[in-house]
Every structure is written in structure tokens, then in C-alpha cells.
Amino acid sequence: MFERPIKVGDRVLIDNIIGDVEKINMRATVIKTGTNEHIIVPNSYFLGEKVVNRSFSDPKIRLTIPFNVAYGTDVEKLRDMLMEIAREESLVSPAVLMDPEPSVSFVGFGDFCLNFELSIMISDYNQLGTIKSNINFRINKLFMERKIEFPYPQQNLHIKSIDREIENNYIF
């Protein structure tokens, strides 16, 4: 702890729990979570375990929103639309940063969909949930307006054999 790997005000990730360092005592550190819970962590934990300090050198954080679209979607238009959504959100949410510029990644091909991620940098972690929700609302609205389909799982059923009695009584 003498090296000061964390300080009051830092945002840390410990055992999949994110919180802000509120107080550092001789034997333990108090971390306040986003749900307003306080976690008391022995200082020895910071020396022996992996701790992610999300604000050690830079308080900005990347928000990544994964989503899927149906095969056949015009992916270039989709990319332009998502960049437009990020720009619009930056006008109403000052925490959304345009430098570095948001990005849209075509992650891959799924079983029944195309996989994408919209990534933006934000300056205030406390706005993360609100900004994510705002962007999801915007994505949903534009998808509906522009008739972009959210995919749904599809399965094909191949019948190799069928009982003749059933075949005679039902039309396939």
C-alpha cells in the first residue's frame, strides 16, 4: 500500500464488483459500490490479488453496447446510423466524449444474426447506466423507424420418416 496502487476517489473492480475507493485506513479500505453498498476490503487483498483500477491514470471509461441485427441488413448504413446515435447522445449527455471518436465494430457472424458493438468513451462513470439506456432507446427507435430487424432464433425441422397413418390424415 506504500506504493499507492489505489487512492481515494479511484474506481476499482474487485471480484466483479465495481466501486469507488472512499477511505483508506491502516488495515482496510472502504469501497462504495454503485448500489450504495460499502465493502470493507483488507489492504492485504490489494497486494495479493488482481485489482483493476479503472481510474488509475485516466478517469474515462469505455462503454460498449453489443447488439445483433438480422442477416441482409445494410451494414454500412447501420454503421452510419450508430455513429449518428453517438453524436446525438453527446449533445444531450456531456459525459459522452467525441474524442476519441465512437466506433462501430462488426464483431462477427452468428447462427442467426450479424453481431455488432457500439463503443463510446465517457468521462463520468456515474452516467454509465443512464447513457447506456439512452443509447439503447435511440437504437430501438431508429431500428423501428428504418425497419431494421432484430433477429430471432430460427430452426429448420427436417422430417426423415413419418408414420404412413399420420401422413394420410394430415397434410404437410
Protein backbone atom coordinates (compact mmCIF):
# COMPACT_ATOMS: atom_id res chain seq x y z
CA MET A 1 0.00 0.00 0.00
CA PHE A 2 3.02 2.28 0.36
CA GLU A 3 3.31 2.32 -3.44
CA ARG A 4 -0.21 3.78 -3.61
CA PRO A 5 -1.72 1.49 -6.27
CA ILE A 6 -5.07 2.99 -5.30
CA LYS A 7 -6.15 6.28 -3.79
CA VAL A 8 -9.37 7.80 -2.51
CA GLY A 9 -11.65 8.50 -5.45
CA ASP A 10 -10.33 5.70 -7.68
CA ARG A 11 -12.82 3.39 -9.33
CA VAL A 12 -11.82 -0.24 -8.80
CA LEU A 13 -13.04 -3.65 -9.90
CA ILE A 14 -12.70 -6.39 -7.29
CA ASP A 15 -14.30 -9.82 -7.73
CA ASN A 16 -16.68 -8.44 -10.42
CA ILE A 17 -17.80 -5.62 -8.12
CA ILE A 18 -17.18 -2.04 -9.21
CA GLY A 19 -16.90 0.71 -6.65
CA ASP A 20 -15.17 3.91 -5.64
CA VAL A 21 -12.46 3.98 -3.00
CA GLU A 22 -13.98 6.08 -0.26
CA LYS A 23 -11.49 5.70 2.58
CA ILE A 24 -8.12 4.02 3.12
CA ASN A 25 -7.37 3.05 6.73
CA MET A 26 -4.31 1.31 8.18
CA ARG A 27 -5.76 -2.20 7.84
CA ALA A 28 -8.70 -1.92 5.45
CA THR A 29 -10.10 0.12 2.58
CA VAL A 30 -13.75 1.17 2.25
CA ILE A 31 -15.23 0.87 -1.24
CA LYS A 32 -18.66 2.26 -2.11
CA THR A 33 -20.50 0.44 -4.91
CA GLY A 34 -22.89 1.91 -7.46
CA THR A 35 -25.77 0.45 -5.42
CA ASN A 36 -24.62 2.47 -2.39
CA GLU A 37 -23.23 -0.52 -0.53
CA HIS A 38 -19.94 -0.26 1.34
CA ILE A 39 -17.41 -3.05 1.09
CA ILE A 40 -14.60 -3.31 3.61
CA VAL A 41 -11.54 -4.84 1.93
CA PRO A 42 -8.40 -5.77 3.89
CA ASN A 43 -5.41 -3.87 2.49
CA SER A 44 -3.55 -7.16 2.13
CA TYR A 45 -6.05 -8.05 -0.61
CA PHE A 46 -4.68 -5.27 -2.82
CA LEU A 47 -1.21 -6.75 -2.57
CA GLY A 48 -2.07 -10.40 -3.13
CA GLU A 49 -4.97 -10.32 -5.59
CA LYS A 50 -5.66 -8.86 -9.01
CA VAL A 51 -7.37 -5.50 -8.66
CA VAL A 52 -8.39 -3.43 -11.68
CA ASN A 53 -8.04 0.31 -11.09
CA ARG A 54 -10.28 1.86 -13.73
CA SER A 55 -9.22 5.42 -12.97
CA PHE A 56 -5.53 5.00 -12.08
CA SER A 57 -4.25 7.23 -14.86
CA ASP A 58 -7.42 8.25 -16.68
CA PRO A 59 -10.99 8.58 -15.32
CA LYS A 60 -12.57 7.95 -18.74
CA ILE A 61 -14.24 4.61 -19.31
CA ARG A 62 -15.31 2.81 -22.48
CA LEU A 63 -18.97 1.90 -22.80
CA THR A 64 -19.54 -0.99 -25.20
CA ILE A 65 -23.06 -1.87 -26.28
CA PRO A 66 -23.34 -5.22 -28.07
CA PHE A 67 -26.33 -5.94 -30.31
CA ASN A 68 -27.38 -8.13 -33.21
CA VAL A 69 -29.19 -7.49 -36.48
CA ALA A 70 -30.77 -9.81 -38.99
CA TYR A 71 -28.85 -11.13 -41.98
CA GLY A 72 -29.48 -8.92 -45.01
CA THR A 73 -29.12 -5.65 -43.07
CA ASP A 74 -27.14 -2.95 -44.91
CA VAL A 75 -24.15 -2.83 -42.57
CA GLU A 76 -22.69 0.42 -43.96
CA LYS A 77 -25.98 2.24 -43.34
CA LEU A 78 -26.12 0.61 -39.91
CA ARG A 79 -22.63 1.90 -39.05
CA ASP A 80 -23.57 5.45 -40.16
CA MET A 81 -26.80 5.30 -38.14
CA LEU A 82 -24.96 4.19 -34.98
CA MET A 83 -22.39 6.96 -35.34
CA GLU A 84 -25.31 9.40 -35.67
CA ILE A 85 -26.80 7.99 -32.45
CA ALA A 86 -23.49 8.51 -30.62
CA ARG A 87 -23.23 12.11 -31.88
CA GLU A 88 -26.82 12.85 -30.83
CA GLU A 89 -26.20 11.42 -27.35
CA SER A 90 -23.07 13.57 -26.97
CA LEU A 91 -25.25 16.67 -27.47
CA VAL A 92 -27.53 15.78 -24.54
CA SER A 93 -25.02 13.97 -22.33
CA PRO A 94 -21.81 15.97 -21.85
CA ALA A 95 -20.15 12.86 -20.41
CA VAL A 96 -20.18 11.25 -23.88
CA LEU A 97 -16.85 12.07 -25.46
CA MET A 98 -16.30 12.53 -29.19
CA ASP A 99 -12.53 12.38 -28.77
CA PRO A 100 -11.64 9.60 -29.09
CA GLU A 101 -14.34 9.12 -31.68
CA PRO A 102 -17.00 6.44 -31.06
CA SER A 103 -16.63 3.28 -33.10
CA VAL A 104 -18.83 0.58 -34.54
CA SER A 105 -17.32 -2.89 -34.78
CA PHE A 106 -18.66 -5.71 -36.93
CA VAL A 107 -17.80 -8.46 -34.44
CA GLY A 108 -18.85 -11.50 -36.43
CA PHE A 109 -21.45 -13.79 -37.91
CA GLY A 110 -23.80 -15.55 -35.51
CA ASP A 111 -26.04 -18.54 -36.09
CA PHE A 112 -28.98 -16.31 -36.99
CA CYS A 113 -27.59 -12.78 -36.84
CA LEU A 114 -24.80 -10.31 -37.52
CA ASN A 115 -23.00 -9.24 -34.32
CA PHE A 116 -22.00 -5.60 -33.70
CA GLU A 117 -20.71 -3.39 -30.89
CA LEU A 118 -21.02 0.35 -30.45
CA SER A 119 -18.17 1.71 -28.32
CA ILE A 120 -18.01 5.20 -26.87
CA MET A 121 -15.85 6.84 -24.24
CA ILE A 122 -17.50 8.58 -21.33
CA SER A 123 -15.95 10.87 -18.78
CA ASP A 124 -18.23 10.15 -15.82
CA TYR A 125 -18.72 6.55 -14.74
CA ASN A 126 -21.77 7.59 -12.71
CA GLN A 127 -23.54 8.36 -16.00
CA LEU A 128 -22.79 4.92 -17.47
CA GLY A 129 -26.24 3.40 -16.81
CA THR A 130 -28.15 6.47 -18.00
CA ILE A 131 -26.10 6.83 -21.17
CA LYS A 132 -26.37 3.12 -21.97
CA SER A 133 -30.14 3.27 -21.53
CA ASN A 134 -30.44 6.43 -23.65
CA ILE A 135 -28.47 4.85 -26.46
CA ASN A 136 -30.50 1.63 -26.30
CA PHE A 137 -33.71 3.69 -26.56
CA ARG A 138 -32.25 5.54 -29.57
CA ILE A 139 -31.17 2.30 -31.25
CA ASN A 140 -34.60 0.75 -30.75
CA LYS A 141 -36.39 3.85 -32.09
CA LEU A 142 -34.23 4.12 -35.21
CA PHE A 143 -34.43 0.40 -35.88
CA MET A 144 -38.22 0.63 -35.79
CA GLU A 145 -38.30 3.77 -37.98
CA ARG A 146 -35.89 2.31 -40.55
CA LYS A 147 -37.32 -1.20 -40.40
CA ILE A 148 -34.08 -2.84 -39.27
CA GLU A 149 -34.89 -6.23 -37.85
CA PHE A 150 -33.67 -7.58 -34.55
CA PRO A 151 -33.03 -11.26 -35.24
CA TYR A 152 -34.68 -14.14 -33.53
CA PRO A 153 -33.52 -17.76 -33.35
CA GLN A 154 -34.74 -19.88 -36.20
CA GLN A 155 -34.67 -23.62 -36.57
CA ASN A 156 -35.46 -25.84 -39.52
CA LEU A 157 -37.15 -29.16 -38.94
CA HIS A 158 -36.24 -31.93 -41.36
CA ILE A 159 -38.54 -34.96 -41.22
CA LYS A 160 -36.70 -38.06 -42.42
CA SER A 161 -39.51 -40.54 -41.92
CA ILE A 162 -43.13 -40.42 -40.93
CA ASP A 163 -45.77 -42.94 -40.00
CA ARG A 164 -47.99 -43.56 -43.07
CA GLU A 165 -51.19 -43.28 -40.99
CA ILE A 166 -50.20 -39.80 -39.81
CA GLU A 167 -49.19 -38.84 -43.34
CA ASN A 168 -52.58 -39.92 -44.71
CA ASN A 169 -54.53 -38.00 -42.05
CA TYR A 170 -52.58 -34.72 -42.17
CA ILE A 171 -51.41 -32.51 -44.98
CA PHE A 172 -47.79 -31.39 -44.79
